[in-house]
């Protein structure tokens, strides 16, 4: 067991994570290290974002598997390494959200039964710093102090 894996395991235990969560998070850590052939301590935030895109686009991982990897890597960087998490999220563009709502409305109008819950997601993680700067520009306020991803 590497020192980093040991530290992450301890952090997961101290926070009451289930054995399944521990296994999934440690697997995500190992897969990231294997992908770059070096310790996650030496992997940049841009590389983390590229890796997440790789999981989604090239490996064809499901949204739930992708989101689990995001959660694991946030835990790694924010809790274990205390460098702050790579701040990426899965935000859906307003045009895509409008399209999804229009599709659901057309289904309802045609008499088809709708499920009680739908989840909309984009196919690419969004850099939180870029999103926050855009929001600030739209509101005409000062840009927030955020780390670039």
Foldseek 3Di string as FASTA:
>chain_A
DDPLLVLLLVQCVVVPHDPVLNVLLSVLQVVLCVVVVHHPVPADLVNVQVVLLCCCPVVVDDPVSSVSSQVSQQCSVCPRVVVGGQDWDWDDDPVVVVVVVVVVVVCVVVPHDDDPDDDDTDSGIDRPLVVQQVVCVVVVHDGDDDDGD
